[in-house]
Amino acid sequence: MTTKKEYAKFSSELRVRPDDIDMNNHVHNSRYLDYVLAARYDQMARCYKMSWEDFLRLGVTWVVTKCFIEFKRPLLLGELMRVTTGIEEIGTSNVKVGFSIHKQEKNKLSAGGYFEYAMIDLKTGKARDIPESIIKMYSI
């Protein structure tokens, strides 16, 4: 990662569904990955004004290269949550996106962490530099 500065954070509201629950009667740990992906998908179009489909039309996509999640409190069936994400760093071909998932009712942290994504050229399947126009868009 090369660029370190402040970037905007955005939030999305989601609800725990019955198929998110595991045999311990709380959200399965793998679903937290889904929650962050759903929030990013929403926020790319709604907040950054550049949807996932817009990236595909440019011939690029984002793939996860690394993720870290720290679990604090379980989410339960039917609970509302607020998933907040924001870019922490932008590198030549990668971004680090931090996230937090808070229980909506009492604003208690359920989980937090980060994902690292690489920009991939759809024709070559290899990492490519992030265009300056996209860096500018994400630097709002």
Protein backbone atom coordinates (compact mmCIF):
# COMPACT_ATOMS: atom_id res chain seq x y z
CA MET A 1 0.00 0.00 0.00
CA THR A 2 1.35 3.41 -0.88
CA THR A 3 -1.21 6.19 -0.35
CA LYS A 4 -2.29 6.87 3.26
CA LYS A 5 -4.91 9.58 3.78
CA GLU A 6 -8.51 10.01 4.91
CA TYR A 7 -11.36 8.64 2.85
CA ALA A 8 -15.11 8.76 3.30
CA LYS A 9 -16.96 6.04 5.21
CA PHE A 10 -20.43 4.87 4.28
CA SER A 11 -23.01 2.68 6.01
CA SER A 12 -25.63 0.20 4.86
CA GLU A 13 -28.38 -1.38 6.94
CA LEU A 14 -28.94 -5.13 6.72
CA ARG A 15 -31.04 -7.66 8.64
CA VAL A 16 -30.04 -11.16 9.77
CA ARG A 17 -31.99 -13.76 7.79
CA PRO A 18 -32.95 -17.28 8.87
CA ASP A 19 -30.43 -18.87 6.49
CA ASP A 20 -27.61 -16.87 8.15
CA ILE A 21 -28.02 -18.77 11.44
CA ASP A 22 -25.75 -21.71 12.33
CA MET A 23 -26.13 -24.64 14.73
CA ASN A 24 -25.09 -22.38 17.65
CA ASN A 25 -28.17 -20.23 17.00
CA HIS A 26 -26.24 -17.14 15.89
CA VAL A 27 -24.90 -15.87 12.58
CA HIS A 28 -22.30 -18.20 11.04
CA ASN A 29 -18.88 -16.59 10.81
CA SER A 30 -18.78 -16.90 7.00
CA ARG A 31 -21.87 -14.69 6.66
CA TYR A 32 -19.95 -11.66 7.92
CA LEU A 33 -18.01 -11.80 4.64
CA ASP A 34 -21.34 -11.73 2.81
CA TYR A 35 -22.53 -8.74 4.85
CA VAL A 36 -19.44 -6.71 3.94
CA LEU A 37 -19.75 -7.67 0.26
CA ALA A 38 -23.45 -6.70 0.23
CA ALA A 39 -22.63 -3.35 1.88
CA ARG A 40 -19.80 -2.61 -0.56
CA TYR A 41 -22.02 -3.51 -3.51
CA ASP A 42 -24.69 -1.09 -2.23
CA GLN A 43 -22.20 1.66 -1.39
CA MET A 44 -20.32 1.48 -4.70
CA ALA A 45 -23.46 2.46 -6.61
CA ARG A 46 -25.23 4.60 -4.00
CA CYS A 47 -22.32 6.50 -2.46
CA TYR A 48 -19.39 6.40 -4.89
CA LYS A 49 -21.69 6.55 -7.96
CA MET A 50 -19.71 3.77 -9.65
CA SER A 51 -21.36 0.35 -9.44
CA TRP A 52 -19.70 -3.04 -9.69
CA GLU A 53 -21.24 -3.32 -13.16
CA ASP A 54 -19.54 -0.03 -14.15
CA PHE A 55 -16.17 -1.57 -13.29
CA LEU A 56 -17.02 -4.63 -15.40
CA ARG A 57 -17.91 -2.35 -18.35
CA LEU A 58 -14.40 -0.83 -17.98
CA GLY A 59 -12.93 -4.33 -18.25
CA VAL A 60 -11.79 -4.57 -14.62
CA THR A 61 -12.98 -6.15 -11.40
CA TRP A 62 -11.94 -6.36 -7.75
CA VAL A 63 -10.84 -9.59 -6.06
CA VAL A 64 -10.15 -10.18 -2.38
CA THR A 65 -6.49 -10.89 -1.67
CA LYS A 66 -6.66 -10.80 2.12
CA CYS A 67 -9.20 -10.39 4.89
CA PHE A 68 -9.19 -10.12 8.66
CA ILE A 69 -12.25 -10.28 10.93
CA GLU A 70 -12.38 -9.87 14.68
CA PHE A 71 -15.63 -11.08 16.22
CA LYS A 72 -16.89 -9.25 19.32
CA ARG A 73 -20.61 -10.07 19.77
CA PRO A 74 -22.87 -12.52 17.94
CA LEU A 75 -25.63 -11.35 15.65
CA LEU A 76 -28.96 -13.10 16.15
CA LEU A 77 -31.95 -13.94 13.97
CA GLY A 78 -33.85 -10.86 12.83
CA GLU A 79 -31.39 -8.30 14.21
CA LEU A 80 -30.72 -5.15 12.24
CA MET A 81 -27.08 -4.24 11.70
CA ARG A 82 -25.20 -1.29 10.30
CA VAL A 83 -22.24 -2.21 8.10
CA THR A 84 -19.82 0.71 7.75
CA THR A 85 -16.97 0.51 5.27
CA GLY A 86 -14.31 2.87 4.06
CA ILE A 87 -11.05 2.83 2.20
CA GLU A 88 -8.06 2.97 4.52
CA GLU A 89 -5.27 2.87 1.92
CA ILE A 90 -4.90 2.89 -1.84
CA GLY A 91 -1.86 1.27 -3.44
CA THR A 92 -0.80 0.95 -7.05
CA SER A 93 -3.18 -1.91 -7.85
CA ASN A 94 -4.82 -2.60 -4.50
CA VAL A 95 -7.02 -1.05 -1.83
CA LYS A 96 -7.49 -1.78 1.85
CA VAL A 97 -11.10 -1.41 2.99
CA GLY A 98 -11.86 -1.31 6.71
CA PHE A 99 -15.26 -2.29 8.05
CA SER A 100 -17.32 -2.47 11.21
CA ILE A 101 -20.61 -4.23 11.83
CA HIS A 102 -22.69 -2.77 14.66
CA LYS A 103 -25.89 -4.10 16.15
CA GLN A 104 -28.44 -1.44 15.29
CA GLU A 105 -30.42 -1.48 18.54
CA LYS A 106 -27.66 -0.51 21.01
CA ASN A 107 -24.87 0.38 18.57
CA LYS A 108 -22.64 -2.39 19.97
CA LEU A 109 -19.76 -3.62 17.81
CA SER A 110 -20.38 -7.13 16.52
CA ALA A 111 -17.33 -7.46 14.24
CA GLY A 112 -14.66 -5.39 12.58
CA GLY A 113 -11.68 -5.81 10.33
CA TYR A 114 -10.48 -5.19 6.82
CA PHE A 115 -10.35 -6.58 3.31
CA GLU A 116 -7.62 -6.03 0.75
CA TYR A 117 -8.74 -6.04 -2.87
CA ALA A 118 -6.67 -6.07 -6.06
CA MET A 119 -7.87 -4.52 -9.31
CA ILE A 120 -7.83 -7.22 -11.98
CA ASP A 121 -7.86 -6.74 -15.76
CA LEU A 122 -10.62 -9.00 -17.11
CA LYS A 123 -8.74 -9.70 -20.37
CA THR A 124 -5.45 -10.76 -18.81
CA GLY A 125 -6.63 -11.97 -15.41
CA LYS A 126 -3.72 -10.07 -13.84
CA ALA A 127 -3.50 -7.18 -11.44
CA ARG A 128 -3.38 -3.76 -13.03
CA ASP A 129 -2.78 -0.22 -11.83
CA ILE A 130 -5.81 1.62 -10.53
CA PRO A 131 -6.56 4.52 -12.90
CA GLU A 132 -6.15 7.99 -11.42
CA SER A 133 -9.81 8.75 -12.26
CA ILE A 134 -10.95 5.92 -9.98
CA ILE A 135 -8.58 6.97 -7.19
CA LYS A 136 -10.04 10.48 -7.44
CA MET A 137 -13.59 9.11 -7.25
CA TYR A 138 -12.77 7.10 -4.14
CA SER A 139 -11.05 10.10 -2.55
CA ILE A 140 -14.29 11.99 -1.94
